C-alpha atoms as a PDB file:
ATOM      1  CA  MET A   1      86.666 -72.991  70.221  1.00  0.00           C
ATOM      2  CA  ILE A   2      88.190 -75.801  71.072  1.00  0.00           C
ATOM      3  CA  LEU A   3      89.055 -78.811  69.371  1.00  0.00           C
ATOM      4  CA  GLU A   4      89.977 -81.743  71.171  1.00  0.00           C
ATOM      5  CA  TYR A   5      90.849 -85.210  69.838  1.00  0.00           C
ATOM      6  CA  ASP A   6      91.420 -88.362  72.255  1.00  0.00           C
ATOM      7  CA  CYS A   7      93.474 -90.724  69.923  1.00  0.00           C
ATOM      8  CA  GLU A   8      95.899 -91.519  67.636  1.00  0.00           C
ATOM      9  CA  GLU A   9      93.424 -92.600  65.095  1.00  0.00           C
ATOM     10  CA  GLU A  10      91.630 -88.593  65.493  1.00  0.00           C
ATOM     11  CA  SER A  11      95.356 -87.016  64.256  1.00  0.00           C
ATOM     12  CA  ASP A  12      94.016 -87.156  60.465  1.00  0.00           C
ATOM     13  CA  ASP A  13      91.655 -85.273  61.715  1.00  0.00           C
ATOM     14  CA  ALA A  14      92.946 -83.366  63.921  1.00  0.00           C
ATOM     15  CA  ARG A  15      95.811 -82.065  61.154  1.00  0.00           C
ATOM     16  CA  THR A  16      92.724 -81.225  58.262  1.00  0.00           C
ATOM     17  CA  ALA A  17      90.432 -79.234  61.124  1.00  0.00           C
ATOM     18  CA  LEU A  18      94.044 -77.225  61.771  1.00  0.00           C
ATOM     19  CA  ASP A  19      94.904 -77.124  58.282  1.00  0.00           C
ATOM     20  CA  GLY A  20      91.618 -75.360  56.834  1.00  0.00           C
ATOM     21  CA  TYR A  21      93.086 -71.982  56.456  1.00  0.00           C
ATOM     22  CA  LYS A  22      96.115 -74.047  54.548  1.00  0.00           C
ATOM     23  CA  TRP A  23      94.043 -75.145  51.862  1.00  0.00           C
ATOM     24  CA  LYS A  24      91.571 -72.150  51.509  1.00  0.00           C
ATOM     25  CA  MET A  25      94.937 -69.968  50.678  1.00  0.00           C
ATOM     26  CA  ALA A  26      95.892 -73.011  48.486  1.00  0.00           C
ATOM     27  CA  MET A  27      92.753 -73.052  46.250  1.00  0.00           C
ATOM     28  CA  TRP A  28      92.742 -68.530  46.482  1.00  0.00           C
ATOM     29  CA  ASP A  29      96.368 -68.605  45.299  1.00  0.00           C
ATOM     30  CA  LEU A  30      95.005 -71.136  42.556  1.00  0.00           C
ATOM     31  CA  ASP A  31      91.698 -68.997  42.107  1.00  0.00           C
ATOM     32  CA  GLN A  32      93.938 -66.320  41.183  1.00  0.00           C
ATOM     33  CA  SER A  33      96.260 -67.778  39.052  1.00  0.00           C
ATOM     34  CA  LEU A  34      94.076 -68.914  37.246  1.00  0.00           C
ATOM     35  CA  ARG A  35      91.950 -65.743  37.218  1.00  0.00           C
ATOM     36  CA  SER A  36      95.494 -63.879  35.538  1.00  0.00           C
ATOM     37  CA  THR A  37      95.063 -66.321  32.702  1.00  0.00           C
ATOM     38  CA  THR A  38      91.492 -65.465  31.643  1.00  0.00           C
ATOM     39  CA  LYS A  39      91.847 -61.527  32.883  1.00  0.00           C
ATOM     40  CA  HIS A  40      95.120 -60.795  32.078  1.00  0.00           C
ATOM     41  CA  GLY A  41      96.401 -63.429  29.145  1.00  0.00           C
ATOM     42  CA  VAL A  42      99.190 -64.711  31.518  1.00  0.00           C
ATOM     43  CA  SER A  43     100.151 -68.391  30.690  1.00  0.00           C
ATOM     44  CA  MET A  44      99.816 -70.610  33.446  1.00  0.00           C
ATOM     45  CA  SER A  45     103.003 -72.768  32.581  1.00  0.00           C
ATOM     46  CA  ASP A  46     105.642 -69.745  31.663  1.00  0.00           C
ATOM     47  CA  LYS A  47     104.204 -66.232  33.395  1.00  0.00           C
ATOM     48  CA  SER A  48     106.984 -64.612  31.112  1.00  0.00           C
ATOM     49  CA  LYS A  49     104.453 -65.822  28.202  1.00  0.00           C
ATOM     50  CA  GLU A  50     100.900 -64.638  26.401  1.00  0.00           C
ATOM     51  CA  ALA A  51      98.150 -67.658  27.076  1.00  0.00           C
ATOM     52  CA  THR A  52      97.043 -68.885  24.119  1.00  0.00           C
ATOM     53  CA  PRO A  53      93.146 -68.914  23.373  1.00  0.00           C
ATOM     54  CA  GLU A  54      92.756 -72.718  24.181  1.00  0.00           C
ATOM     55  CA  GLU A  55      94.740 -71.658  27.535  1.00  0.00           C
ATOM     56  CA  MET A  56      92.672 -68.936  28.358  1.00  0.00           C
ATOM     57  CA  ASP A  57      88.892 -71.111  28.105  1.00  0.00           C
ATOM     58  CA  MET A  58      90.303 -74.185  30.519  1.00  0.00           C
ATOM     59  CA  ALA A  59      91.136 -71.981  32.770  1.00  0.00           C
ATOM     60  CA  ASP A  60      87.686 -70.234  32.692  1.00  0.00           C
ATOM     61  CA  LYS A  61      85.965 -73.352  32.573  1.00  0.00           C
ATOM     62  CA  ILE A  62      88.386 -74.621  35.510  1.00  0.00           C
ATOM     63  CA  ARG A  63      87.143 -71.631  37.594  1.00  0.00           C
ATOM     64  CA  ASP A  64      84.177 -72.415  37.050  1.00  0.00           C
ATOM     65  CA  ALA A  65      84.224 -75.941  38.293  1.00  0.00           C
ATOM     66  CA  ILE A  66      86.529 -74.981  41.559  1.00  0.00           C
ATOM     67  CA  ARG A  67      83.379 -72.343  42.563  1.00  0.00           C
ATOM     68  CA  ASP A  68      80.542 -74.903  41.710  1.00  0.00           C
ATOM     69  CA  ILE A  69      82.331 -77.157  43.783  1.00  0.00           C
ATOM     70  CA  LEU A  70      82.925 -75.108  46.658  1.00  0.00           C
ATOM     71  CA  ASN A  71      79.552 -73.746  46.447  1.00  0.00           C
ATOM     72  CA  GLU A  72      78.257 -77.835  46.684  1.00  0.00           C
ATOM     73  CA  HIS A  73      80.077 -77.814  49.576  1.00  0.00           C
ATOM     74  CA  ASN A  74      78.755 -74.065  50.801  1.00  0.00           C
ATOM     75  CA  LEU A  75      82.067 -72.831  50.569  1.00  0.00           C
ATOM     76  CA  ASN A  76      83.393 -69.656  49.192  1.00  0.00           C
ATOM     77  CA  LEU A  77      86.807 -67.989  48.579  1.00  0.00           C
ATOM     78  CA  ASP A  78      85.740 -64.669  49.626  1.00  0.00           C
END
């Protein structure tokens, strides 16, 4: 696949296209951090501490929200 951008105004579009994989990996890392909180009880703010029930609940809700948003855009982390 060849992506071609002809002018300076399109440079942001080019950077967005080139950084797509980085965005996916960043979202994957965020999802895995949230998963550690929901599944293993690891605190998001301090990995050496146990997560509170509220933190675990919020992490679960955020994971669901991320997946819903990705699905709305026909994207997934898998």
